[in-house]
């Protein structure tokens, strides 16, 4: 069942997020199971790692 709180302009809607994800994820998202247990919540987390390599270089310089 679709979330009734999602509107057409919701930036987190399936259609909006679908631009960034493999369609396979959405096709099978309702069939998610872990060790035979259905997963009712699915959380997607984004990290901005664009400056991560610079941080690593700085930390290495401190060692």
PDB file of N, CA and C in Angstrom:
ATOM      1  N   UNK A   1       0.849  -1.171   0.000  1.00  0.00           N
ATOM      2  CA  UNK A   1       0.000   0.000   0.000  1.00  0.00           C
ATOM      3  C   UNK A   1       0.897   1.238   0.000  1.00  0.00           C
ATOM      4  N   UNK A   2       0.597   2.185  -0.818  1.00  0.00           N
ATOM      5  CA  UNK A   2       1.380   3.416  -0.916  1.00  0.00           C
ATOM      6  C   UNK A   2       1.113   4.312   0.283  1.00  0.00           C
ATOM      7  N   UNK A   3       2.101   5.082   0.648  1.00  0.00           N
ATOM      8  CA  UNK A   3       1.961   6.041   1.736  1.00  0.00           C
ATOM      9  C   UNK A   3       1.062   7.176   1.272  1.00  0.00           C
ATOM     10  N   UNK A   4      -0.048   7.359   1.936  1.00  0.00           N
ATOM     11  CA  UNK A   4      -1.023   8.372   1.538  1.00  0.00           C
ATOM     12  C   UNK A   4      -0.526   9.788   1.818  1.00  0.00           C
ATOM     13  N   UNK A   5       0.533   9.934   2.629  1.00  0.00           N
ATOM     14  CA  UNK A   5       1.058  11.255   2.961  1.00  0.00           C
ATOM     15  C   UNK A   5       1.984  11.811   1.885  1.00  0.00           C
ATOM     16  N   UNK A   6       2.379  11.000   0.927  1.00  0.00           N
ATOM     17  CA  UNK A   6       3.289  11.452  -0.120  1.00  0.00           C
ATOM     18  C   UNK A   6       2.505  12.232  -1.166  1.00  0.00           C
ATOM     19  N   UNK A   7       2.982  13.410  -1.486  1.00  0.00           N
ATOM     20  CA  UNK A   7       2.324  14.234  -2.495  1.00  0.00           C
ATOM     21  C   UNK A   7       3.141  14.220  -3.774  1.00  0.00           C
ATOM     22  N   UNK A   8       2.569  14.776  -4.831  1.00  0.00           N
ATOM     23  CA  UNK A   8       3.265  14.812  -6.112  1.00  0.00           C
ATOM     24  C   UNK A   8       4.541  15.637  -6.055  1.00  0.00           C
ATOM     25  N   UNK A   9       4.601  16.608  -5.169  1.00  0.00           N
ATOM     26  CA  UNK A   9       5.771  17.480  -5.077  1.00  0.00           C
ATOM     27  C   UNK A   9       6.768  17.039  -4.017  1.00  0.00           C
ATOM     28  N   UNK A  10       6.559  15.908  -3.426  1.00  0.00           N
ATOM     29  CA  UNK A  10       7.433  15.415  -2.372  1.00  0.00           C
ATOM     30  C   UNK A  10       8.791  15.034  -2.965  1.00  0.00           C
ATOM     31  N   UNK A  11       9.890  15.675  -2.508  1.00  0.00           N
ATOM     32  CA  UNK A  11      11.208  15.346  -3.060  1.00  0.00           C
ATOM     33  C   UNK A  11      11.670  13.949  -2.687  1.00  0.00           C
ATOM     34  N   UNK A  12      10.988  13.307  -1.739  1.00  0.00           N
ATOM     35  CA  UNK A  12      11.362  11.967  -1.325  1.00  0.00           C
ATOM     36  C   UNK A  12      10.435  10.909  -1.909  1.00  0.00           C
ATOM     37  N   UNK A  13       9.640  11.286  -2.882  1.00  0.00           N
ATOM     38  CA  UNK A  13       8.723  10.329  -3.484  1.00  0.00           C
ATOM     39  C   UNK A  13       9.495   9.305  -4.301  1.00  0.00           C
ATOM     40  N   UNK A  14       8.856   8.195  -4.552  1.00  0.00           N
ATOM     41  CA  UNK A  14       9.474   7.125  -5.335  1.00  0.00           C
ATOM     42  C   UNK A  14       9.933   7.642  -6.690  1.00  0.00           C
ATOM     43  N   UNK A  15       9.125   8.475  -7.303  1.00  0.00           N
ATOM     44  CA  UNK A  15       9.460   8.985  -8.627  1.00  0.00           C
ATOM     45  C   UNK A  15      10.677   9.905  -8.578  1.00  0.00           C
ATOM     46  N   UNK A  16      10.741  10.771  -7.570  1.00  0.00           N
ATOM     47  CA  UNK A  16      11.876  11.685  -7.458  1.00  0.00           C
ATOM     48  C   UNK A  16      13.158  10.940  -7.099  1.00  0.00           C
ATOM     49  N   UNK A  17      13.076  10.038  -6.142  1.00  0.00           N
ATOM     50  CA  UNK A  17      14.257   9.279  -5.748  1.00  0.00           C
ATOM     51  C   UNK A  17      14.676   8.293  -6.828  1.00  0.00           C
ATOM     52  N   UNK A  18      13.727   7.880  -7.652  1.00  0.00           N
ATOM     53  CA  UNK A  18      14.015   6.926  -8.716  1.00  0.00           C
ATOM     54  C   UNK A  18      15.045   7.422  -9.707  1.00  0.00           C
ATOM     55  N   UNK A  19      15.247   8.722  -9.772  1.00  0.00           N
ATOM     56  CA  UNK A  19      16.264   9.271 -10.666  1.00  0.00           C
ATOM     57  C   UNK A  19      17.668   8.905 -10.197  1.00  0.00           C
ATOM     58  N   UNK A  20      17.807   8.517  -8.925  1.00  0.00           N
ATOM     59  CA  UNK A  20      19.118   8.251  -8.346  1.00  0.00           C
ATOM     60  C   UNK A  20      19.348   6.778  -8.020  1.00  0.00           C
ATOM     61  N   UNK A  21      18.361   5.929  -8.262  1.00  0.00           N
ATOM     62  CA  UNK A  21      18.470   4.532  -7.873  1.00  0.00           C
ATOM     63  C   UNK A  21      18.151   3.602  -9.023  1.00  0.00           C
ATOM     64  N   UNK A  22      18.706   2.446  -8.944  1.00  0.00           N
ATOM     65  CA  UNK A  22      18.433   1.392  -9.907  1.00  0.00           C
ATOM     66  C   UNK A  22      16.960   0.996  -9.785  1.00  0.00           C
ATOM     67  N   UNK A  23      16.239   0.902 -10.893  1.00  0.00           N
ATOM     68  CA  UNK A  23      14.824   0.506 -10.850  1.00  0.00           C
ATOM     69  C   UNK A  23      14.609  -0.844 -10.168  1.00  0.00           C
ATOM     70  N   UNK A  24      15.629  -1.685 -10.152  1.00  0.00           N
ATOM     71  CA  UNK A  24      15.538  -2.984  -9.483  1.00  0.00           C
ATOM     72  C   UNK A  24      15.172  -2.812  -8.015  1.00  0.00           C
ATOM     73  N   UNK A  25      15.718  -1.767  -7.380  1.00  0.00           N
ATOM     74  CA  UNK A  25      15.441  -1.519  -5.964  1.00  0.00           C
ATOM     75  C   UNK A  25      13.952  -1.323  -5.745  1.00  0.00           C
ATOM     76  N   UNK A  26      13.336  -0.493  -6.570  1.00  0.00           N
ATOM     77  CA  UNK A  26      11.915  -0.208  -6.403  1.00  0.00           C
ATOM     78  C   UNK A  26      11.037  -1.373  -6.809  1.00  0.00           C
ATOM     79  N   UNK A  27      11.491  -2.147  -7.764  1.00  0.00           N
ATOM     80  CA  UNK A  27      10.702  -3.292  -8.200  1.00  0.00           C
ATOM     81  C   UNK A  27      10.589  -4.322  -7.085  1.00  0.00           C
ATOM     82  N   UNK A  28      11.651  -4.465  -6.313  1.00  0.00           N
ATOM     83  CA  UNK A  28      11.696  -5.509  -5.296  1.00  0.00           C
ATOM     84  C   UNK A  28      11.607  -4.988  -3.868  1.00  0.00           C
ATOM     85  N   UNK A  29      11.369  -3.704  -3.699  1.00  0.00           N
ATOM     86  CA  UNK A  29      11.381  -3.127  -2.357  1.00  0.00           C
ATOM     87  C   UNK A  29      10.293  -3.714  -1.454  1.00  0.00           C
ATOM     88  N   UNK A  30       9.169  -4.095  -2.006  1.00  0.00           N
ATOM     89  CA  UNK A  30       8.096  -4.673  -1.195  1.00  0.00           C
ATOM     90  C   UNK A  30       8.359  -6.131  -0.851  1.00  0.00           C
ATOM     91  N   UNK A  31       9.358  -6.714  -1.479  1.00  0.00           N
ATOM     92  CA  UNK A  31       9.660  -8.119  -1.248  1.00  0.00           C
ATOM     93  C   UNK A  31      10.890  -8.307  -0.369  1.00  0.00           C
ATOM     94  N   UNK A  32      11.327  -7.244   0.304  1.00  0.00           N
ATOM     95  CA  UNK A  32      12.531  -7.336   1.118  1.00  0.00           C
ATOM     96  C   UNK A  32      12.320  -8.273   2.295  1.00  0.00           C
ATOM     97  N   UNK A  33      13.274  -9.172   2.474  1.00  0.00           N
ATOM     98  CA  UNK A  33      13.231 -10.097   3.604  1.00  0.00           C
ATOM     99  C   UNK A  33      14.645 -10.266   4.131  1.00  0.00           C
ATOM    100  N   UNK A  34      14.762 -10.484   5.410  1.00  0.00           N
ATOM    101  CA  UNK A  34      16.043 -10.751   6.037  1.00  0.00           C
ATOM    102  C   UNK A  34      15.868 -12.006   6.872  1.00  0.00           C
ATOM    103  N   UNK A  35      16.530 -13.069   6.475  1.00  0.00           N
ATOM    104  CA  UNK A  35      16.391 -14.364   7.143  1.00  0.00           C
ATOM    105  C   UNK A  35      14.928 -14.783   7.259  1.00  0.00           C
ATOM    106  N   UNK A  36      14.160 -14.571   6.209  1.00  0.00           N
ATOM    107  CA  UNK A  36      12.778 -15.002   6.163  1.00  0.00           C
ATOM    108  C   UNK A  36      11.792 -14.058   6.827  1.00  0.00           C
ATOM    109  N   UNK A  37      12.275 -12.961   7.404  1.00  0.00           N
ATOM    110  CA  UNK A  37      11.405 -11.997   8.073  1.00  0.00           C
ATOM    111  C   UNK A  37      11.194 -10.815   7.136  1.00  0.00           C
ATOM    112  N   UNK A  38       9.938 -10.445   6.942  1.00  0.00           N
ATOM    113  CA  UNK A  38       9.645  -9.287   6.095  1.00  0.00           C
ATOM    114  C   UNK A  38      10.173  -8.012   6.734  1.00  0.00           C
ATOM    115  N   UNK A  39      10.739  -7.152   5.915  1.00  0.00           N
ATOM    116  CA  UNK A  39      11.218  -5.858   6.383  1.00  0.00           C
ATOM    117  C   UNK A  39      10.174  -4.821   6.014  1.00  0.00           C
ATOM    118  N   UNK A  40       9.585  -4.183   7.028  1.00  0.00           N
ATOM    119  CA  UNK A  40       8.519  -3.216   6.784  1.00  0.00           C
ATOM    120  C   UNK A  40       9.039  -1.795   6.590  1.00  0.00           C
ATOM    121  N   UNK A  41      10.222  -1.508   7.091  1.00  0.00           N
ATOM    122  CA  UNK A  41      10.808  -0.175   6.944  1.00  0.00           C
ATOM    123  C   UNK A  41      12.078  -0.290   6.120  1.00  0.00           C
ATOM    124  N   UNK A  42      12.248   0.642   5.223  1.00  0.00           N
ATOM    125  CA  UNK A  42      13.435   0.669   4.375  1.00  0.00           C
ATOM    126  C   UNK A  42      13.996   2.077   4.437  1.00  0.00           C
ATOM    127  N   UNK A  43      15.223   2.206   4.893  1.00  0.00           N
ATOM    128  CA  UNK A  43      15.834   3.519   5.062  1.00  0.00           C
ATOM    129  C   UNK A  43      17.006   3.641   4.103  1.00  0.00           C
ATOM    130  N   UNK A  44      17.021   4.747   3.379  1.00  0.00           N
ATOM    131  CA  UNK A  44      18.118   5.035   2.467  1.00  0.00           C
ATOM    132  C   UNK A  44      18.880   6.216   3.045  1.00  0.00           C
ATOM    133  N   UNK A  45      20.183   6.060   3.177  1.00  0.00           N
ATOM    134  CA  UNK A  45      21.016   7.094   3.774  1.00  0.00           C
ATOM    135  C   UNK A  45      22.029   7.575   2.744  1.00  0.00           C
ATOM    136  N   UNK A  46      22.226   8.876   2.682  1.00  0.00           N
ATOM    137  CA  UNK A  46      23.204   9.469   1.778  1.00  0.00           C
ATOM    138  C   UNK A  46      24.331  10.094   2.597  1.00  0.00           C
ATOM    139  N   UNK A  47      25.532   9.899   2.149  1.00  0.00           N
ATOM    140  CA  UNK A  47      26.673  10.577   2.735  1.00  0.00           C
ATOM    141  C   UNK A  47      27.349  11.387   1.648  1.00  0.00           C
ATOM    142  N   UNK A  48      27.726  12.585   1.981  1.00  0.00           N
ATOM    143  CA  UNK A  48      28.493  13.406   1.048  1.00  0.00           C
ATOM    144  C   UNK A  48      29.961  13.100   1.303  1.00  0.00           C
ATOM    145  N   UNK A  49      30.564  12.295   0.447  1.00  0.00           N
ATOM    146  CA  UNK A  49      31.961  11.903   0.626  1.00  0.00           C
ATOM    147  C   UNK A  49      32.871  12.640  -0.351  1.00  0.00           C
ATOM    148  N   UNK A  50      32.392  13.737  -0.896  1.00  0.00           N
ATOM    149  CA  UNK A  50      33.161  14.457  -1.909  1.00  0.00           C
ATOM    150  C   UNK A  50      34.491  14.986  -1.373  1.00  0.00           C
ATOM    151  N   UNK A  51      34.584  15.253  -0.090  1.00  0.00           N
ATOM    152  CA  UNK A  51      35.829  15.773   0.483  1.00  0.00           C
ATOM    153  C   UNK A  51      36.516  14.749   1.375  1.00  0.00           C
ATOM    154  N   UNK A  52      36.083  13.502   1.308  1.00  0.00           N
ATOM    155  CA  UNK A  52      36.620  12.467   2.183  1.00  0.00           C
ATOM    156  C   UNK A  52      38.098  12.216   1.919  1.00  0.00           C
ATOM    157  N   UNK A  53      38.504  12.147   0.651  1.00  0.00           N
ATOM    158  CA  UNK A  53      39.909  11.866   0.348  1.00  0.00           C
ATOM    159  C   UNK A  53      40.812  12.979   0.874  1.00  0.00           C
ATOM    160  N   UNK A  54      40.343  14.220   0.833  1.00  0.00           N
ATOM    161  CA  UNK A  54      41.117  15.323   1.403  1.00  0.00           C
ATOM    162  C   UNK A  54      41.281  15.175   2.905  1.00  0.00           C
ATOM    163  N   UNK A  55      40.231  14.738   3.571  1.00  0.00           N
ATOM    164  CA  UNK A  55      40.290  14.503   5.009  1.00  0.00           C
ATOM    165  C   UNK A  55      41.295  13.407   5.329  1.00  0.00           C
ATOM    166  N   UNK A  56      41.280  12.340   4.552  1.00  0.00           N
ATOM    167  CA  UNK A  56      42.216  11.234   4.767  1.00  0.00           C
ATOM    168  C   UNK A  56      43.652  11.721   4.617  1.00  0.00           C
ATOM    169  N   UNK A  57      43.918  12.533   3.604  1.00  0.00           N
ATOM    170  CA  UNK A  57      45.273  13.067   3.400  1.00  0.00           C
ATOM    171  C   UNK A  57      45.703  13.930   4.578  1.00  0.00           C
ATOM    172  N   UNK A  58      44.795  14.753   5.080  1.00  0.00           N
ATOM    173  CA  UNK A  58      45.119  15.599   6.229  1.00  0.00           C
ATOM    174  C   UNK A  58      45.406  14.764   7.464  1.00  0.00           C
ATOM    175  N   UNK A  59      44.617  13.728   7.686  1.00  0.00           N
ATOM    176  CA  UNK A  59      44.832  12.867   8.849  1.00  0.00           C
ATOM    177  C   UNK A  59      46.143  12.100   8.731  1.00  0.00           C
ATOM    178  N   UNK A  60      46.479  11.646   7.524  1.00  0.00           N
ATOM    179  CA  UNK A  60      47.752  10.942   7.324  1.00  0.00           C
ATOM    180  C   UNK A  60      48.925  11.871   7.595  1.00  0.00           C
ATOM    181  N   UNK A  61      48.781  13.145   7.231  1.00  0.00           N
ATOM    182  CA  UNK A  61      49.854  14.112   7.455  1.00  0.00           C
ATOM    183  C   UNK A  61      50.093  14.337   8.947  1.00  0.00           C
ATOM    184  N   UNK A  62      49.072  14.137   9.755  1.00  0.00           N
ATOM    185  CA  UNK A  62      49.199  14.326  11.199  1.00  0.00           C
ATOM    186  C   UNK A  62      49.886  13.157  11.885  1.00  0.00           C
ATOM    187  N   UNK A  63      49.979  12.034  11.204  1.00  0.00           N
ATOM    188  CA  UNK A  63      50.561  10.836  11.828  1.00  0.00           C
ATOM    189  C   UNK A  63      52.054  10.801  11.687  1.00  0.00           C
TER     190      UNK A  63
END
